N, C-alpha and C. Protein backbone atom coordinates (compact mmCIF):
# COMPACT_ATOMS: atom_id res chain seq x y z
N MET A 1 26.00 -5.12 7.79
CA MET A 1 24.83 -5.03 7.07
C MET A 1 23.36 -4.93 8.04
N GLU A 2 22.65 -4.19 7.53
CA GLU A 2 21.10 -3.41 7.52
C GLU A 2 20.68 -5.33 7.78
N LYS A 3 19.71 -5.03 9.23
CA LYS A 3 19.27 -6.23 9.07
C LYS A 3 18.01 -5.77 9.12
N ARG A 4 17.36 -7.02 8.33
CA ARG A 4 15.74 -6.96 7.57
C ARG A 4 14.71 -7.70 8.45
N SER A 5 13.79 -7.12 8.39
CA SER A 5 13.03 -7.13 8.64
C SER A 5 11.51 -7.94 7.97
N ILE A 6 10.65 -9.14 8.02
CA ILE A 6 9.99 -9.58 6.87
C ILE A 6 8.44 -10.40 7.34
N TYR A 7 8.01 -9.34 6.54
CA TYR A 7 6.33 -9.72 7.38
C TYR A 7 5.51 -10.02 6.19
N ASN A 8 4.04 -10.90 6.84
CA ASN A 8 3.79 -11.54 5.37
C ASN A 8 2.17 -10.88 5.38
N TRP A 9 1.54 -10.50 4.96
CA TRP A 9 -0.17 -10.75 4.96
C TRP A 9 -0.68 -11.62 3.68
N LYS A 10 -2.43 -11.55 4.38
CA LYS A 10 -3.30 -12.22 3.69
C LYS A 10 -3.88 -11.37 4.13
N ASN A 11 -4.79 -12.29 2.68
CA ASN A 11 -5.81 -11.53 2.62
C ASN A 11 -7.23 -12.22 2.26
N ASN A 12 -8.07 -11.77 3.11
CA ASN A 12 -9.61 -12.11 2.69
C ASN A 12 -10.26 -12.21 1.33
N LEU A 13 -10.90 -14.27 1.76
CA LEU A 13 -11.53 -14.13 0.68
C LEU A 13 -11.97 -13.39 -0.63
N LEU A 14 -12.82 -12.18 -0.03
CA LEU A 14 -13.19 -10.90 -0.81
C LEU A 14 -12.52 -10.36 -0.56
N GLY A 15 -10.69 -10.06 0.34
CA GLY A 15 -10.09 -8.64 -0.84
C GLY A 15 -10.08 -7.81 -0.12
N ASN A 16 -11.33 -7.34 0.76
CA ASN A 16 -11.61 -6.43 1.37
C ASN A 16 -10.20 -5.93 2.82
N LYS A 17 -10.52 -7.38 3.25
CA LYS A 17 -9.21 -7.12 4.64
C LYS A 17 -7.70 -7.83 4.47
N SER A 18 -6.79 -7.23 5.23
CA SER A 18 -6.35 -8.60 5.31
C SER A 18 -5.19 -8.47 6.36
N LYS A 19 -4.63 -9.26 6.53
CA LYS A 19 -3.61 -9.24 7.94
C LYS A 19 -2.87 -9.62 8.12
N LEU A 20 -1.77 -8.87 9.00
CA LEU A 20 -0.15 -8.54 8.79
C LEU A 20 0.95 -9.70 9.85
N TYR A 21 1.80 -10.05 9.76
CA TYR A 21 2.15 -11.40 10.08
C TYR A 21 3.42 -11.12 10.15
N ASN A 22 4.16 -10.95 11.15
CA ASN A 22 5.47 -11.24 11.60
C ASN A 22 6.65 -12.36 12.03
N ASN A 23 6.60 -13.19 11.32
CA ASN A 23 7.12 -14.76 12.54
C ASN A 23 6.01 -15.59 13.16
N ASP A 24 5.14 -15.76 12.51
CA ASP A 24 3.71 -16.08 12.19
C ASP A 24 2.81 -16.11 13.42
N THR A 25 3.46 -14.54 13.93
CA THR A 25 2.05 -14.05 15.19
C THR A 25 1.34 -12.24 14.12
N LEU A 26 -0.17 -12.51 14.40
CA LEU A 26 -0.94 -11.28 14.05
C LEU A 26 -0.59 -10.54 14.54
N ILE A 27 0.06 -8.70 13.36
CA ILE A 27 0.73 -7.35 14.52
C ILE A 27 -0.24 -7.06 13.91
N GLY A 28 -0.55 -6.83 12.51
CA GLY A 28 -1.84 -5.90 11.98
C GLY A 28 -2.79 -6.60 11.70
N SER A 29 -3.31 -5.38 10.84
CA SER A 29 -4.78 -5.49 9.32
C SER A 29 -4.88 -4.32 9.01
N LEU A 30 -5.21 -4.71 7.83
CA LEU A 30 -5.28 -3.19 7.42
C LEU A 30 -7.24 -4.26 6.86
N GLU A 31 -8.08 -2.51 6.69
CA GLU A 31 -9.67 -3.10 5.93
C GLU A 31 -9.98 -1.77 4.59
N SER A 32 -10.34 -2.11 4.09
CA SER A 32 -10.47 -1.28 3.02
C SER A 32 -11.90 -0.97 1.84
N ASN A 33 -11.98 -0.34 1.86
CA ASN A 33 -13.83 0.02 0.83
C ASN A 33 -13.06 0.44 -0.97
N ASP A 34 -12.92 -1.30 -1.49
CA ASP A 34 -12.35 -1.25 -2.49
C ASP A 34 -13.11 0.47 -4.19
N TRP A 35 -13.95 0.62 -3.37
CA TRP A 35 -14.94 2.19 -4.18
C TRP A 35 -14.39 2.93 -3.56
N THR A 36 -14.56 3.61 -3.34
CA THR A 36 -13.54 4.56 -2.95
C THR A 36 -11.98 5.04 -2.20
N LEU A 37 -11.30 3.53 -2.10
CA LEU A 37 -9.56 3.44 -2.46
C LEU A 37 -9.58 4.09 -0.82
N ASP A 38 -10.28 3.74 0.23
CA ASP A 38 -9.87 4.38 1.53
C ASP A 38 -9.48 3.24 2.45
N ALA A 39 -9.02 3.27 3.16
CA ALA A 39 -8.51 2.33 4.38
C ALA A 39 -8.00 2.16 5.62
N ASN A 40 -8.18 1.68 6.74
CA ASN A 40 -7.53 2.07 8.00
C ASN A 40 -6.57 0.49 8.22
N VAL A 41 -5.81 1.47 8.74
CA VAL A 41 -4.78 -0.24 8.76
C VAL A 41 -4.05 -0.09 10.80
N SER A 42 -4.26 -1.03 10.80
CA SER A 42 -3.89 -0.60 12.20
C SER A 42 -2.60 -1.83 12.53
N ILE A 43 -1.77 -1.79 13.26
CA ILE A 43 -0.28 -1.76 13.40
C ILE A 43 -0.25 -2.01 14.65
N ARG A 44 0.11 -3.04 15.47
CA ARG A 44 0.18 -3.36 17.37
C ARG A 44 -0.48 -2.12 17.97
N SER A 45 0.03 -0.87 18.09
CA SER A 45 -1.07 -0.24 19.18
C SER A 45 -1.25 1.54 18.34
N ASP A 46 -0.84 1.18 16.80
CA ASP A 46 -0.45 2.19 15.84
C ASP A 46 -2.28 2.32 15.13
N GLN A 47 -2.56 3.23 14.81
CA GLN A 47 -3.53 2.90 13.79
C GLN A 47 -3.66 4.41 12.80
N TYR A 48 -3.96 3.72 11.16
CA TYR A 48 -3.81 5.08 10.41
C TYR A 48 -5.32 4.90 9.81
N SER A 49 -5.76 5.81 9.05
CA SER A 49 -5.98 5.82 8.45
C SER A 49 -5.47 6.63 6.52
N PHE A 50 -6.47 6.22 5.69
CA PHE A 50 -5.23 6.24 4.50
C PHE A 50 -6.71 6.87 3.83
N LYS A 51 -7.13 7.71 3.44
CA LYS A 51 -8.03 8.87 2.76
C LYS A 51 -7.95 9.63 1.39
N ASN A 52 -8.24 9.12 0.09
CA ASN A 52 -8.36 9.14 -1.54
C ASN A 52 -9.07 10.37 -1.28
N LYS A 53 -8.42 11.33 -2.47
CA LYS A 53 -8.86 12.73 -1.95
C LYS A 53 -8.66 13.24 -3.82
N GLY A 54 -9.14 14.01 -4.78
CA GLY A 54 -9.08 14.31 -6.06
C GLY A 54 -9.55 12.89 -6.55
N LEU A 55 -9.57 13.71 -7.97
CA LEU A 55 -10.28 12.79 -9.03
C LEU A 55 -8.98 12.59 -10.58
N PHE A 56 -8.59 14.31 -10.69
CA PHE A 56 -7.96 13.99 -12.01
C PHE A 56 -6.76 14.20 -11.32
N ASN A 57 -5.94 14.44 -10.14
CA ASN A 57 -5.26 14.91 -9.37
C ASN A 57 -4.56 13.74 -8.12
N PRO A 58 -5.54 12.85 -8.36
CA PRO A 58 -5.45 11.62 -6.99
C PRO A 58 -4.27 11.73 -6.04
N TYR A 59 -4.77 12.03 -4.71
CA TYR A 59 -3.80 11.89 -3.98
C TYR A 59 -4.13 11.14 -2.65
N THR A 60 -3.83 10.71 -1.49
CA THR A 60 -4.02 10.13 -0.45
C THR A 60 -4.10 11.01 0.67
N GLU A 61 -4.56 11.17 2.00
CA GLU A 61 -4.20 11.53 3.41
C GLU A 61 -4.02 10.14 3.64
N ILE A 62 -2.94 10.57 4.85
CA ILE A 62 -2.96 9.92 5.89
C ILE A 62 -2.72 10.82 7.40
N ARG A 63 -3.84 9.80 8.70
CA ARG A 63 -4.43 10.18 9.14
C ARG A 63 -3.55 9.52 10.46
N ASN A 64 -3.62 9.76 11.59
CA ASN A 64 -3.06 9.05 12.77
C ASN A 64 -4.47 9.24 13.44
N LYS A 65 -4.17 7.99 14.01
CA LYS A 65 -5.71 7.24 15.10
C LYS A 65 -6.22 9.25 15.83
N HIS A 66 -5.67 10.25 16.15
CA HIS A 66 -6.32 10.87 17.11
C HIS A 66 -7.22 12.37 15.82
N GLY A 67 -6.80 11.47 14.42
CA GLY A 67 -7.47 12.51 13.06
C GLY A 67 -7.10 13.31 12.94
N GLU A 68 -5.06 13.75 13.49
CA GLU A 68 -4.19 14.60 12.15
C GLU A 68 -3.80 14.22 11.29
N LEU A 69 -3.10 15.36 10.06
CA LEU A 69 -2.62 15.34 9.36
C LEU A 69 -1.59 14.71 10.21
N ILE A 70 -0.65 13.54 8.95
CA ILE A 70 0.80 13.51 9.59
C ILE A 70 1.66 12.87 8.16
N GLY A 71 0.63 13.22 6.05
CA GLY A 71 1.09 12.63 5.53
C GLY A 71 0.59 12.71 4.35
N ASP A 72 0.70 13.02 3.27
CA ASP A 72 -0.34 12.21 2.08
C ASP A 72 1.16 11.71 0.95
N ILE A 73 0.54 10.63 -0.51
CA ILE A 73 0.82 10.15 -0.85
C ILE A 73 -0.22 11.18 -2.01
N GLU A 74 1.61 11.75 -3.36
CA GLU A 74 0.96 11.94 -4.57
C GLU A 74 0.97 11.43 -5.52
N TYR A 75 0.16 10.56 -6.27
CA TYR A 75 0.23 9.94 -7.47
C TYR A 75 0.38 10.29 -8.74
N ASN A 76 1.85 9.20 -9.56
CA ASN A 76 2.15 9.71 -10.52
C ASN A 76 1.57 8.29 -11.94
N ASN A 77 0.17 9.16 -12.25
CA ASN A 77 -0.88 8.37 -13.40
C ASN A 77 0.85 7.40 -13.90
N TRP A 78 1.06 8.12 -14.98
CA TRP A 78 1.64 8.06 -16.17
C TRP A 78 2.87 6.29 -15.78
N THR A 79 3.87 6.68 -14.70
CA THR A 79 4.84 5.90 -13.88
C THR A 79 4.14 4.47 -12.44
N GLY A 80 2.68 4.95 -12.27
CA GLY A 80 2.28 3.73 -11.02
C GLY A 80 2.83 4.36 -9.90
N GLY A 81 3.97 5.51 -10.12
CA GLY A 81 5.03 5.71 -8.58
C GLY A 81 4.10 6.24 -8.03
N ALA A 82 4.75 7.34 -6.67
CA ALA A 82 4.45 7.68 -5.99
C ALA A 82 4.98 8.24 -5.67
N THR A 83 4.81 9.63 -4.51
CA THR A 83 5.52 10.07 -3.65
C THR A 83 4.46 10.47 -2.30
N ILE A 84 5.49 9.84 -1.07
CA ILE A 84 5.21 10.01 0.44
C ILE A 84 5.47 10.62 0.90
N SER A 85 4.95 12.25 1.40
CA SER A 85 5.29 12.60 2.35
C SER A 85 4.64 12.65 3.49
N LEU A 86 6.27 12.46 4.26
CA LEU A 86 5.81 12.87 5.94
C LEU A 86 5.87 14.11 6.19
N ILE A 87 5.25 13.88 7.30
CA ILE A 87 6.40 15.37 8.60
C ILE A 87 7.53 16.04 8.47
N ASP A 88 8.53 15.01 8.96
CA ASP A 88 9.94 15.20 8.62
C ASP A 88 10.30 14.26 7.21
N LYS A 89 10.12 13.36 6.43
CA LYS A 89 10.41 13.00 5.67
C LYS A 89 10.36 12.34 4.11
N LYS A 90 10.61 12.12 2.83
CA LYS A 90 9.64 12.09 1.83
C LYS A 90 10.33 10.79 1.45
N TYR A 91 9.36 9.77 0.50
CA TYR A 91 10.16 8.74 0.28
C TYR A 91 9.41 8.40 -0.65
N LYS A 92 10.16 7.80 -2.12
CA LYS A 92 9.23 7.45 -3.61
C LYS A 92 8.80 6.40 -3.69
N TRP A 93 7.61 5.39 -4.00
CA TRP A 93 7.09 4.57 -4.39
C TRP A 93 7.42 4.28 -5.40
N SER A 94 7.78 3.15 -5.80
CA SER A 94 8.40 2.71 -7.53
C SER A 94 7.76 1.25 -7.41
N THR A 95 7.54 0.71 -8.60
CA THR A 95 8.18 -0.46 -9.48
C THR A 95 9.30 -0.52 -9.42
N ARG A 96 10.30 -2.49 -8.77
CA ARG A 96 10.99 -2.77 -9.62
C ARG A 96 11.07 -3.82 -9.91
N ASN A 97 10.54 -4.31 -10.92
CA ASN A 97 10.73 -4.94 -12.25
C ASN A 97 9.19 -4.12 -13.24
N MET A 98 9.48 -4.67 -14.44
CA MET A 98 8.72 -3.94 -15.79
C MET A 98 7.65 -4.68 -15.65
N TRP A 99 7.83 -6.05 -14.88
CA TRP A 99 6.12 -6.22 -14.81
C TRP A 99 5.29 -5.69 -13.71
N MET A 100 5.41 -4.81 -12.92
CA MET A 100 5.72 -4.16 -11.56
C MET A 100 4.42 -5.36 -10.64
N SER A 101 4.88 -6.30 -10.61
CA SER A 101 5.40 -7.22 -10.01
C SER A 101 5.51 -6.59 -8.31
N ALA A 102 6.10 -6.59 -8.32
CA ALA A 102 6.81 -6.26 -7.10
C ALA A 102 6.71 -4.60 -6.83
N TRP A 103 7.11 -4.21 -5.54
CA TRP A 103 7.27 -2.50 -5.39
C TRP A 103 7.92 -2.05 -4.28
N LYS A 104 8.78 -1.11 -4.46
CA LYS A 104 10.15 -0.95 -3.47
C LYS A 104 9.63 1.01 -2.90
N ILE A 105 10.52 1.06 -1.94
CA ILE A 105 9.56 2.25 -1.24
C ILE A 105 11.28 3.31 -0.92
N GLU A 106 11.93 4.30 -1.29
CA GLU A 106 13.17 4.03 -0.98
C GLU A 106 12.87 5.66 -0.96
N ASP A 107 14.00 5.69 0.26
CA ASP A 107 14.36 7.80 1.13
C ASP A 107 15.35 8.02 -0.17
N GLU A 108 16.33 8.99 0.19
CA GLU A 108 16.71 9.35 -0.60
C GLU A 108 18.17 8.39 -0.30
N GLN A 109 18.36 8.11 1.06
CA GLN A 109 19.60 6.46 0.52
C GLN A 109 19.64 5.54 0.14
N GLY A 110 18.24 5.32 -0.15
CA GLY A 110 17.86 4.17 -0.86
C GLY A 110 17.05 3.14 -0.63
N GLN A 111 16.41 1.89 -0.65
CA GLN A 111 15.94 1.28 -0.59
C GLN A 111 15.58 0.73 0.51
N ILE A 112 14.72 0.49 1.00
CA ILE A 112 14.43 0.63 2.72
C ILE A 112 12.87 -0.24 2.97
N VAL A 113 12.31 -0.77 2.30
CA VAL A 113 10.87 -1.15 2.05
C VAL A 113 11.28 -2.17 0.31
N GLU A 114 10.88 -2.96 0.77
CA GLU A 114 10.38 -4.20 -1.01
C GLU A 114 8.50 -4.81 -0.36
N VAL A 115 8.00 -5.05 -1.36
CA VAL A 115 6.54 -5.04 -1.06
C VAL A 115 6.77 -5.76 -2.49
N SER A 116 6.27 -7.49 -2.64
CA SER A 116 6.57 -8.88 -3.27
C SER A 116 5.00 -9.49 -3.14
N PRO A 117 3.94 -9.00 -3.79
CA PRO A 117 2.40 -10.19 -4.07
C PRO A 117 2.86 -10.73 -4.56
N SER A 118 1.74 -12.01 -3.80
CA SER A 118 2.09 -13.49 -3.68
C SER A 118 1.13 -14.00 -5.85
N VAL A 119 2.03 -15.02 -6.33
CA VAL A 119 1.28 -15.11 -7.99
C VAL A 119 0.21 -14.61 -7.70
N MET A 120 -0.77 -15.38 -6.85
CA MET A 120 -2.21 -16.00 -6.71
C MET A 120 -2.79 -13.73 -6.45
N GLY A 121 -2.16 -13.83 -5.89
CA GLY A 121 -2.94 -12.48 -5.26
C GLY A 121 -2.84 -12.00 -4.16
N ASN A 122 -3.21 -12.95 -3.17
CA ASN A 122 -3.86 -13.53 -1.79
C ASN A 122 -2.97 -12.96 -0.36
N GLY A 123 -1.80 -12.47 -0.91
CA GLY A 123 -0.87 -12.05 0.09
C GLY A 123 -0.01 -11.71 -0.05
N GLY A 124 1.32 -11.90 0.23
CA GLY A 124 2.59 -12.08 0.22
C GLY A 124 3.62 -11.00 1.07
N THR A 125 4.86 -10.35 1.06
CA THR A 125 5.92 -10.49 1.75
C THR A 125 5.89 -9.01 1.68
N ILE A 126 6.70 -8.64 3.00
CA ILE A 126 7.26 -7.05 2.79
C ILE A 126 7.90 -7.21 3.62
N GLU A 127 9.71 -6.51 3.42
CA GLU A 127 10.95 -6.72 3.75
C GLU A 127 10.69 -4.99 4.26
N SER A 128 11.28 -4.68 4.59
CA SER A 128 11.93 -3.53 5.79
C SER A 128 13.01 -4.09 6.71
N ILE A 129 14.16 -3.18 6.31
CA ILE A 129 15.38 -2.18 7.31
C ILE A 129 14.81 -1.39 7.94
N GLU A 130 13.97 -0.70 8.10
CA GLU A 130 13.43 0.56 9.22
C GLU A 130 12.15 -0.01 9.74
N ASN A 131 12.01 -0.12 11.03
CA ASN A 131 11.50 -0.58 12.22
C ASN A 131 9.97 0.64 12.82
N SER A 132 8.89 0.52 11.42
CA SER A 132 8.42 1.99 11.10
C SER A 132 6.80 1.55 10.91
N GLU A 133 5.73 1.30 12.00
CA GLU A 133 5.13 0.91 11.98
C GLU A 133 3.98 1.47 10.91
N LEU A 134 4.25 3.22 10.84
CA LEU A 134 3.69 3.59 9.59
C LEU A 134 3.62 3.63 7.69
N LEU A 135 5.47 2.62 7.70
CA LEU A 135 5.82 2.07 6.41
C LEU A 135 5.69 0.88 6.30
N LEU A 136 5.20 0.51 6.96
CA LEU A 136 4.46 -0.54 7.00
C LEU A 136 3.17 -0.16 6.76
N SER A 137 2.66 0.45 7.54
CA SER A 137 1.35 0.70 7.14
C SER A 137 1.36 1.43 5.27
N ILE A 138 2.40 2.25 5.12
CA ILE A 138 1.72 2.90 3.99
C ILE A 138 1.88 1.40 3.00
N SER A 139 2.75 0.56 3.48
CA SER A 139 3.22 -0.60 2.23
C SER A 139 1.55 -1.44 2.04
N LEU A 140 0.78 -2.03 3.31
CA LEU A 140 0.07 -2.79 3.23
C LEU A 140 -1.06 -1.80 2.56
N TYR A 141 -1.24 -0.31 3.06
CA TYR A 141 -1.95 0.32 1.94
C TYR A 141 -1.98 0.52 0.75
N LEU A 142 -0.98 0.76 -0.42
CA LEU A 142 -0.45 0.61 -1.21
C LEU A 142 -0.75 0.16 -2.57
N GLN A 143 0.14 -1.37 -2.17
CA GLN A 143 -0.11 -2.42 -2.19
C GLN A 143 -1.71 -2.62 -2.56
N LYS A 144 -2.58 -2.88 -1.94
CA LYS A 144 -3.83 -2.44 -2.09
C LYS A 144 -4.20 -2.55 -2.65
N ARG A 145 -4.21 -1.25 -2.83
CA ARG A 145 -4.19 0.46 -3.74
C ARG A 145 -4.41 -1.01 -5.18
N VAL A 146 -2.63 -0.84 -5.63
CA VAL A 146 -2.63 -1.37 -6.68
C VAL A 146 -3.40 -2.20 -7.08
N ALA A 147 -3.82 -3.66 -6.22
CA ALA A 147 -4.48 -4.59 -6.92
C ALA A 147 -5.81 -4.40 -7.18
N VAL A 148 -5.86 -2.80 -6.78
CA VAL A 148 -7.75 -2.70 -7.36
C VAL A 148 -7.07 -1.94 -7.98
N MET A 149 -6.55 -0.92 -8.47
CA MET A 149 -6.50 -0.15 -9.77
C MET A 149 -6.79 -1.24 -10.65
N TYR A 150 -5.91 -2.46 -10.82
CA TYR A 150 -5.20 -3.52 -11.74
C TYR A 150 -6.47 -3.81 -11.90
N SER A 151 -7.28 -4.19 -11.03
CA SER A 151 -8.72 -4.93 -11.39
C SER A 151 -9.65 -4.42 -12.01
N MET A 152 -9.58 -3.36 -12.07
CA MET A 152 -10.64 -1.80 -12.58
C MET A 152 -10.38 -2.23 -14.28
N VAL A 153 -8.80 -2.05 -14.39
CA VAL A 153 -8.17 -1.78 -15.47
C VAL A 153 -8.31 -2.85 -16.39
N ALA A 154 -8.63 -3.91 -15.80
CA ALA A 154 -8.36 -5.55 -16.26
C ALA A 154 -10.69 -5.43 -16.44
N LEU A 155 -11.25 -4.90 -15.93
CA LEU A 155 -12.75 -5.03 -15.59
C LEU A 155 -13.59 -4.03 -17.22
N ILE A 156 -12.85 -2.81 -17.47
CA ILE A 156 -13.09 -1.99 -18.44
C ILE A 156 -13.32 -2.92 -19.73
N PRO A 157 -12.58 -3.94 -21.00
CA PRO A 157 -13.08 -4.07 -21.53
C PRO A 157 -14.44 -5.20 -21.36
N ILE A 158 -14.42 -5.84 -20.24
CA ILE A 158 -15.79 -6.47 -19.90
C ILE A 158 -17.01 -5.47 -19.49
N PHE A 159 -17.14 -3.90 -19.21
CA PHE A 159 -18.05 -3.23 -19.26
C PHE A 159 -17.98 -2.11 -20.28
N THR A 160 -17.25 -2.22 -21.23
CA THR A 160 -17.07 -1.87 -22.34
C THR A 160 -18.23 -2.54 -23.61
N ILE A 161 -17.59 -4.06 -23.19
CA ILE A 161 -18.49 -4.91 -24.16
C ILE A 161 -20.77 -4.90 -23.78
N LEU A 162 -20.49 -4.76 -22.45
CA LEU A 162 -21.74 -4.74 -22.16
C LEU A 162 -22.61 -4.00 -22.77
N LEU A 163 -21.93 -2.02 -22.53
CA LEU A 163 -22.41 -1.28 -22.34
C LEU A 163 -22.84 -1.00 -24.50
N PHE A 164 -21.84 -1.89 -25.20
CA PHE A 164 -22.17 -1.84 -26.02
C PHE A 164 -22.54 -3.45 -26.88
């Protein structure tokens, strides 16, 4: 049986900063720019930056604290999923249910990370069988990106009414 590590994140009131906890001990944080979908994540001594690129074929570059490109995330706009390509491995980000309220990261062997936002959207839980700061950072970034994208989609009717 695989040992699962459980992490919790909490967002600030504006939602642009998140803190990551393991057993109530602060281990990391995410700071994001909701307009560009860029973010910086720090977990323990590791730091990663996520820079969104492309308009019609969006992807995100992942860089380490030295600015070196260590991977990217390519999005599938039709399914809401993504392919995570790191230097030595590929993963799939996809929904765990039809309501798109929980997410998972899988490698070729199966599920290794589960991401479950809270009902109120102010935090959630990440369960992982792999003790990887990089996968935790990617999980935290992707759940934030999903929340921002859904918020933007929800605002389209309001903007449409205001414009016409």
